[in-house]
Amino acid sequence: MTVLSNPRHPLVVAAYRDARALYGDHLIEGRPALAHSAAVAAALVRHVPDVSAELTAAALLHDLPEFAPAGVDAKAFLAARYGEETAHVVLALAGEHQALDRPDPLIETGDYPVLLLSTVDKTVAFASNIRRAEQTGDAPAYFAAKTALVGLLDYFRRYHQAGIGLLPVTLTDGYGHVIAQIDAALAAHRARHATPGSPGNAPFAANSGW
């Protein structure tokens, strides 16, 4: 039995309902934001079967600070309905996302729930990217065009290394695997566009988002 088993924990039921209502028509990687959050919650429970309802609620609501409708104070809403733990983790992940727009974002490992959920979120997002890349029929070109992602790959590699020994092995192995798949696609793109005698580092096309 897990918090996602029927009958589901009331906190999880409420979080799913609120996510569905508050995310509206927002998309993440081309699919509804709710579908992404549900995938993150399912992956979290898969790696940590005894995870708390509070952290599962955070998984379902982790994009609320970005997508909350005008007039909704995400911090107050989360604390009042789900408690301080859920609010803290959701806001910490939002802070991580914002930090990606700054040079050399820090990697904090001292807050286990944040490190755990953030790693699950990254793994799910990258796996979704990989599926979309494969659907195009040209994964190397797809990832080469994702310049924001390419620019952050070193950070994501370091984040992976930081979690080894702290997080479940299944999770760190899965995260490492999706990063390796993206690295392989980019290497294939460089090889495809290399000219004789060059290192094969062709410039990437401009595109925002990762």
C-alpha atoms as a PDB file:
ATOM      1  CA  MET A   1       0.000   0.000   0.000  1.00  0.00           C
ATOM      2  CA  THR A   2       1.215   3.516  -0.872  1.00  0.00           C
ATOM      3  CA  VAL A   3      -0.339   6.954  -0.641  1.00  0.00           C
ATOM      4  CA  LEU A   4      -1.468   6.500  -4.256  1.00  0.00           C
ATOM      5  CA  SER A   5      -3.195   3.186  -3.573  1.00  0.00           C
ATOM      6  CA  ASN A   6      -6.974   3.190  -3.319  1.00  0.00           C
ATOM      7  CA  PRO A   7      -8.463   4.488  -1.154  1.00  0.00           C
ATOM      8  CA  ARG A   8      -6.023   7.347  -1.563  1.00  0.00           C
ATOM      9  CA  HIS A   9      -4.891   9.524   1.306  1.00  0.00           C
ATOM     10  CA  PRO A  10      -7.227  12.550   1.655  1.00  0.00           C
ATOM     11  CA  LEU A  11      -4.294  14.952   1.316  1.00  0.00           C
ATOM     12  CA  VAL A  12      -3.338  13.396  -2.015  1.00  0.00           C
ATOM     13  CA  VAL A  13      -6.925  13.509  -3.254  1.00  0.00           C
ATOM     14  CA  ALA A  14      -7.134  17.192  -2.327  1.00  0.00           C
ATOM     15  CA  ALA A  15      -3.788  17.972  -3.979  1.00  0.00           C
ATOM     16  CA  TYR A  16      -4.847  16.348  -7.234  1.00  0.00           C
ATOM     17  CA  ARG A  17      -8.119  18.247  -7.191  1.00  0.00           C
ATOM     18  CA  ASP A  18      -6.398  21.565  -6.495  1.00  0.00           C
ATOM     19  CA  ALA A  19      -3.734  20.955  -9.132  1.00  0.00           C
ATOM     20  CA  ARG A  20      -6.403  20.233 -11.720  1.00  0.00           C
ATOM     21  CA  ALA A  21      -8.287  23.396 -10.812  1.00  0.00           C
ATOM     22  CA  LEU A  22      -5.309  25.738 -10.507  1.00  0.00           C
ATOM     23  CA  TYR A  23      -3.077  24.574 -13.370  1.00  0.00           C
ATOM     24  CA  GLY A  24      -5.816  25.263 -15.896  1.00  0.00           C
ATOM     25  CA  ASP A  25      -4.650  24.919 -19.495  1.00  0.00           C
ATOM     26  CA  HIS A  26      -0.926  25.337 -18.789  1.00  0.00           C
ATOM     27  CA  LEU A  27       1.407  22.955 -20.597  1.00  0.00           C
ATOM     28  CA  ILE A  28       4.774  21.446 -19.687  1.00  0.00           C
ATOM     29  CA  GLU A  29       6.746  19.884 -22.539  1.00  0.00           C
ATOM     30  CA  GLY A  30       3.650  19.900 -24.701  1.00  0.00           C
ATOM     31  CA  ARG A  31       1.314  18.104 -22.316  1.00  0.00           C
ATOM     32  CA  PRO A  32      -0.999  19.358 -19.563  1.00  0.00           C
ATOM     33  CA  ALA A  33       0.809  20.524 -16.442  1.00  0.00           C
ATOM     34  CA  LEU A  34      -1.377  18.200 -14.384  1.00  0.00           C
ATOM     35  CA  ALA A  35      -0.154  15.189 -16.379  1.00  0.00           C
ATOM     36  CA  HIS A  36       3.456  16.164 -15.627  1.00  0.00           C
ATOM     37  CA  SER A  37       2.751  16.605 -11.916  1.00  0.00           C
ATOM     38  CA  ALA A  38       0.903  13.298 -11.753  1.00  0.00           C
ATOM     39  CA  ALA A  39       3.864  11.594 -13.437  1.00  0.00           C
ATOM     40  CA  VAL A  40       6.220  13.152 -10.879  1.00  0.00           C
ATOM     41  CA  ALA A  41       4.029  11.943  -8.002  1.00  0.00           C
ATOM     42  CA  ALA A  42       3.862   8.425  -9.469  1.00  0.00           C
ATOM     43  CA  ALA A  43       7.644   8.312  -9.950  1.00  0.00           C
ATOM     44  CA  LEU A  44       8.208   9.584  -6.413  1.00  0.00           C
ATOM     45  CA  VAL A  45       6.095   6.766  -4.977  1.00  0.00           C
ATOM     46  CA  ARG A  46       7.785   4.225  -7.240  1.00  0.00           C
ATOM     47  CA  HIS A  47      11.223   5.149  -5.902  1.00  0.00           C
ATOM     48  CA  VAL A  48      10.083   5.712  -2.304  1.00  0.00           C
ATOM     49  CA  PRO A  49       7.012   3.530  -1.656  1.00  0.00           C
ATOM     50  CA  ASP A  50       6.607   4.777   1.931  1.00  0.00           C
ATOM     51  CA  VAL A  51       6.824   8.468   1.015  1.00  0.00           C
ATOM     52  CA  SER A  52       4.590  10.756   3.050  1.00  0.00           C
ATOM     53  CA  ALA A  53       1.295  12.172   1.849  1.00  0.00           C
ATOM     54  CA  GLU A  54       2.715  15.662   2.435  1.00  0.00           C
ATOM     55  CA  LEU A  55       5.594  15.126   0.007  1.00  0.00           C
ATOM     56  CA  THR A  56       3.297  13.461  -2.521  1.00  0.00           C
ATOM     57  CA  ALA A  57       1.042  16.514  -2.327  1.00  0.00           C
ATOM     58  CA  ALA A  58       4.125  18.653  -2.971  1.00  0.00           C
ATOM     59  CA  ALA A  59       4.840  16.573  -6.075  1.00  0.00           C
ATOM     60  CA  LEU A  60       1.338  17.194  -7.388  1.00  0.00           C
ATOM     61  CA  LEU A  61       1.503  20.912  -6.625  1.00  0.00           C
ATOM     62  CA  HIS A  62       5.172  21.657  -7.297  1.00  0.00           C
ATOM     63  CA  ASP A  63       4.434  23.926 -10.275  1.00  0.00           C
ATOM     64  CA  LEU A  64       1.791  25.942  -8.423  1.00  0.00           C
ATOM     65  CA  PRO A  65       4.021  29.001  -7.806  1.00  0.00           C
ATOM     66  CA  GLU A  66       4.484  29.329 -11.575  1.00  0.00           C
ATOM     67  CA  PHE A  67       0.933  28.591 -12.665  1.00  0.00           C
ATOM     68  CA  ALA A  68      -1.203  29.901  -9.798  1.00  0.00           C
ATOM     69  CA  PRO A  69      -3.958  32.230 -11.014  1.00  0.00           C
ATOM     70  CA  ALA A  70      -3.686  35.903 -10.154  1.00  0.00           C
ATOM     71  CA  GLY A  71      -4.705  36.546  -6.597  1.00  0.00           C
ATOM     72  CA  VAL A  72      -3.630  33.141  -5.280  1.00  0.00           C
ATOM     73  CA  ASP A  73      -0.794  33.400  -2.736  1.00  0.00           C
ATOM     74  CA  ALA A  74       0.899  30.042  -3.286  1.00  0.00           C
ATOM     75  CA  LYS A  75       2.734  30.039   0.048  1.00  0.00           C
ATOM     76  CA  ALA A  76      -0.336  30.888   2.125  1.00  0.00           C
ATOM     77  CA  PHE A  77      -2.552  28.530   0.116  1.00  0.00           C
ATOM     78  CA  LEU A  78      -0.202  25.578   0.495  1.00  0.00           C
ATOM     79  CA  ALA A  79       0.532  26.144   4.183  1.00  0.00           C
ATOM     80  CA  ALA A  80      -3.142  26.480   5.061  1.00  0.00           C
ATOM     81  CA  ARG A  81      -4.342  23.447   3.105  1.00  0.00           C
ATOM     82  CA  TYR A  82      -1.357  21.097   3.219  1.00  0.00           C
ATOM     83  CA  GLY A  83       0.928  22.199   6.023  1.00  0.00           C
ATOM     84  CA  GLU A  84       4.372  23.734   6.311  1.00  0.00           C
ATOM     85  CA  GLU A  85       6.298  20.739   4.904  1.00  0.00           C
ATOM     86  CA  THR A  86       4.426  20.735   1.611  1.00  0.00           C
ATOM     87  CA  ALA A  87       4.642  24.522   1.321  1.00  0.00           C
ATOM     88  CA  HIS A  88       8.375  24.512   2.072  1.00  0.00           C
ATOM     89  CA  VAL A  89       9.223  21.871  -0.533  1.00  0.00           C
ATOM     90  CA  VAL A  90       7.105  23.446  -3.268  1.00  0.00           C
ATOM     91  CA  LEU A  91       8.593  26.896  -2.697  1.00  0.00           C
ATOM     92  CA  ALA A  92      12.119  25.470  -2.524  1.00  0.00           C
ATOM     93  CA  LEU A  93      11.660  23.820  -5.919  1.00  0.00           C
ATOM     94  CA  ALA A  94      10.315  27.084  -7.313  1.00  0.00           C
ATOM     95  CA  GLY A  95      13.454  28.791  -6.021  1.00  0.00           C
ATOM     96  CA  GLU A  96      15.614  26.189  -7.747  1.00  0.00           C
ATOM     97  CA  HIS A  97      13.805  26.757 -11.028  1.00  0.00           C
ATOM     98  CA  GLN A  98      14.307  30.518 -10.764  1.00  0.00           C
ATOM     99  CA  ALA A  99      17.991  30.049  -9.952  1.00  0.00           C
ATOM    100  CA  LEU A 100      18.516  28.339 -13.302  1.00  0.00           C
ATOM    101  CA  ASP A 101      18.293  31.773 -14.921  1.00  0.00           C
ATOM    102  CA  ARG A 102      21.380  32.881 -12.990  1.00  0.00           C
ATOM    103  CA  PRO A 103      25.016  31.885 -13.516  1.00  0.00           C
ATOM    104  CA  ASP A 104      26.305  28.900 -11.537  1.00  0.00           C
ATOM    105  CA  PRO A 105      23.145  27.933  -9.632  1.00  0.00           C
ATOM    106  CA  LEU A 106      23.906  26.373  -6.275  1.00  0.00           C
ATOM    107  CA  ILE A 107      23.170  22.744  -5.467  1.00  0.00           C
ATOM    108  CA  GLU A 108      21.924  22.184  -1.929  1.00  0.00           C
ATOM    109  CA  THR A 109      21.938  18.642  -0.562  1.00  0.00           C
ATOM    110  CA  GLY A 110      21.092  19.292   3.076  1.00  0.00           C
ATOM    111  CA  ASP A 111      17.317  19.278   2.609  1.00  0.00           C
ATOM    112  CA  TYR A 112      16.492  15.666   1.714  1.00  0.00           C
ATOM    113  CA  PRO A 113      12.821  16.112   0.704  1.00  0.00           C
ATOM    114  CA  VAL A 114      13.763  18.946  -1.652  1.00  0.00           C
ATOM    115  CA  LEU A 115      16.698  17.023  -3.145  1.00  0.00           C
ATOM    116  CA  LEU A 116      14.504  13.947  -3.573  1.00  0.00           C
ATOM    117  CA  LEU A 117      11.554  15.644  -5.232  1.00  0.00           C
ATOM    118  CA  SER A 118      13.725  17.890  -7.379  1.00  0.00           C
ATOM    119  CA  THR A 119      15.641  14.884  -8.716  1.00  0.00           C
ATOM    120  CA  VAL A 120      12.413  13.042  -9.477  1.00  0.00           C
ATOM    121  CA  ASP A 121      11.055  16.131 -11.256  1.00  0.00           C
ATOM    122  CA  LYS A 122      14.203  16.470 -13.374  1.00  0.00           C
ATOM    123  CA  THR A 123      14.182  12.788 -14.280  1.00  0.00           C
ATOM    124  CA  VAL A 124      10.541  12.872 -15.361  1.00  0.00           C
ATOM    125  CA  ALA A 125      11.045  16.089 -17.352  1.00  0.00           C
ATOM    126  CA  PHE A 126      14.088  14.699 -19.170  1.00  0.00           C
ATOM    127  CA  ALA A 127      12.340  11.408 -19.920  1.00  0.00           C
ATOM    128  CA  SER A 128       9.465  13.410 -21.405  1.00  0.00           C
ATOM    129  CA  ASN A 129      11.949  15.388 -23.512  1.00  0.00           C
ATOM    130  CA  ILE A 130      13.500  12.155 -24.746  1.00  0.00           C
ATOM    131  CA  ARG A 131      10.111  10.777 -25.797  1.00  0.00           C
ATOM    132  CA  ARG A 132       9.322  13.992 -27.672  1.00  0.00           C
ATOM    133  CA  ALA A 133      12.760  13.894 -29.321  1.00  0.00           C
ATOM    134  CA  GLU A 134      12.199  10.317 -30.483  1.00  0.00           C
ATOM    135  CA  GLN A 135       8.787  11.237 -31.890  1.00  0.00           C
ATOM    136  CA  THR A 136      10.403  13.834 -34.156  1.00  0.00           C
ATOM    137  CA  GLY A 137      12.509  11.138 -35.797  1.00  0.00           C
ATOM    138  CA  ASP A 138      15.651  13.201 -35.230  1.00  0.00           C
ATOM    139  CA  ALA A 139      16.597  13.229 -31.554  1.00  0.00           C
ATOM    140  CA  PRO A 140      20.060  14.762 -32.152  1.00  0.00           C
ATOM    141  CA  ALA A 141      18.579  17.786 -33.927  1.00  0.00           C
ATOM    142  CA  TYR A 142      15.836  18.110 -31.314  1.00  0.00           C
ATOM    143  CA  PHE A 143      18.293  18.363 -28.436  1.00  0.00           C
ATOM    144  CA  ALA A 144      20.775  20.499 -30.346  1.00  0.00           C
ATOM    145  CA  ALA A 145      18.030  23.098 -30.706  1.00  0.00           C
ATOM    146  CA  LYS A 146      17.351  23.119 -26.945  1.00  0.00           C
ATOM    147  CA  THR A 147      20.074  25.633 -26.186  1.00  0.00           C
ATOM    148  CA  ALA A 148      18.811  26.428 -22.685  1.00  0.00           C
ATOM    149  CA  LEU A 149      19.014  22.752 -21.775  1.00  0.00           C
ATOM    150  CA  VAL A 150      22.416  22.354 -23.414  1.00  0.00           C
ATOM    151  CA  GLY A 151      23.728  25.297 -21.403  1.00  0.00           C
ATOM    152  CA  LEU A 152      22.537  23.731 -18.154  1.00  0.00           C
ATOM    153  CA  LEU A 153      23.707  20.162 -18.733  1.00  0.00           C
ATOM    154  CA  ASP A 154      26.823  20.572 -16.614  1.00  0.00           C
ATOM    155  CA  TYR A 155      24.644  21.752 -13.722  1.00  0.00           C
ATOM    156  CA  PHE A 156      22.322  18.772 -14.177  1.00  0.00           C
ATOM    157  CA  ARG A 157      25.283  16.400 -14.233  1.00  0.00           C
ATOM    158  CA  ARG A 158      26.567  17.896 -10.995  1.00  0.00           C
ATOM    159  CA  TYR A 159      23.092  17.626  -9.476  1.00  0.00           C
ATOM    160  CA  HIS A 160      23.103  13.949 -10.374  1.00  0.00           C
ATOM    161  CA  GLN A 161      26.484  13.422  -8.745  1.00  0.00           C
ATOM    162  CA  ALA A 162      25.372  15.287  -5.619  1.00  0.00           C
ATOM    163  CA  GLY A 163      22.509  12.853  -5.087  1.00  0.00           C
ATOM    164  CA  ILE A 164      24.544   9.661  -5.358  1.00  0.00           C
ATOM    165  CA  GLY A 165      24.723   7.987  -1.963  1.00  0.00           C
ATOM    166  CA  LEU A 166      21.928  10.165  -0.602  1.00  0.00           C
ATOM    167  CA  LEU A 167      18.977   9.211  -2.796  1.00  0.00           C
ATOM    168  CA  PRO A 168      17.575   5.806  -3.751  1.00  0.00           C
ATOM    169  CA  VAL A 169      19.862   4.018  -6.209  1.00  0.00           C
ATOM    170  CA  THR A 170      16.967   3.431  -8.593  1.00  0.00           C
ATOM    171  CA  LEU A 171      16.446   7.185  -8.794  1.00  0.00           C
ATOM    172  CA  THR A 172      20.062   8.243  -9.263  1.00  0.00           C
ATOM    173  CA  ASP A 173      20.557   5.482 -11.841  1.00  0.00           C
ATOM    174  CA  GLY A 174      17.447   6.617 -13.708  1.00  0.00           C
ATOM    175  CA  TYR A 175      18.514  10.251 -13.618  1.00  0.00           C
ATOM    176  CA  GLY A 176      21.992   9.366 -14.827  1.00  0.00           C
ATOM    177  CA  HIS A 177      20.507   7.307 -17.642  1.00  0.00           C
ATOM    178  CA  VAL A 178      18.366  10.099 -19.077  1.00  0.00           C
ATOM    179  CA  ILE A 179      21.292  12.536 -18.921  1.00  0.00           C
ATOM    180  CA  ALA A 180      23.464   9.996 -20.742  1.00  0.00           C
ATOM    181  CA  GLN A 181      20.797   9.662 -23.452  1.00  0.00           C
ATOM    182  CA  ILE A 182      20.768  13.419 -23.987  1.00  0.00           C
ATOM    183  CA  ASP A 183      24.576  13.530 -24.047  1.00  0.00           C
ATOM    184  CA  ALA A 184      24.592  10.755 -26.664  1.00  0.00           C
ATOM    185  CA  ALA A 185      22.103  12.640 -28.846  1.00  0.00           C
ATOM    186  CA  LEU A 186      24.195  15.800 -28.679  1.00  0.00           C
ATOM    187  CA  ALA A 187      27.356  13.855 -29.496  1.00  0.00           C
ATOM    188  CA  ALA A 188      25.587  12.393 -32.533  1.00  0.00           C
ATOM    189  CA  HIS A 189      24.601  15.881 -33.654  1.00  0.00           C
ATOM    190  CA  ARG A 190      28.182  17.129 -33.332  1.00  0.00           C
ATOM    191  CA  ALA A 191      29.493  14.147 -35.277  1.00  0.00           C
ATOM    192  CA  ARG A 192      26.899  14.674 -38.011  1.00  0.00           C
ATOM    193  CA  HIS A 193      27.929  18.309 -38.520  1.00  0.00           C
ATOM    194  CA  ALA A 194      31.660  17.961 -37.990  1.00  0.00           C
ATOM    195  CA  THR A 195      33.946  18.894 -40.870  1.00  0.00           C
ATOM    196  CA  PRO A 196      37.257  17.126 -41.510  1.00  0.00           C
ATOM    197  CA  GLY A 197      39.857  18.363 -39.068  1.00  0.00           C
ATOM    198  CA  SER A 198      37.338  20.100 -36.810  1.00  0.00           C
ATOM    199  CA  PRO A 199      36.398  19.069 -33.265  1.00  0.00           C
ATOM    200  CA  GLY A 200      32.800  18.659 -34.394  1.00  0.00           C
ATOM    201  CA  ASN A 201      31.371  21.421 -32.252  1.00  0.00           C
ATOM    202  CA  ALA A 202      28.822  22.867 -34.615  1.00  0.00           C
ATOM    203  CA  PRO A 203      26.837  25.820 -33.247  1.00  0.00           C
ATOM    204  CA  PHE A 204      23.379  25.109 -31.881  1.00  0.00           C
ATOM    205  CA  ALA A 205      20.286  26.765 -33.259  1.00  0.00           C
ATOM    206  CA  ALA A 206      18.631  29.299 -30.999  1.00  0.00           C
ATOM    207  CA  ASN A 207      15.640  28.094 -28.999  1.00  0.00           C
ATOM    208  CA  SER A 208      14.362  28.844 -25.536  1.00  0.00           C
ATOM    209  CA  GLY A 209      13.196  26.417 -22.894  1.00  0.00           C
ATOM    210  CA  TRP A 210      14.380  23.001 -21.786  1.00  0.00           C
END
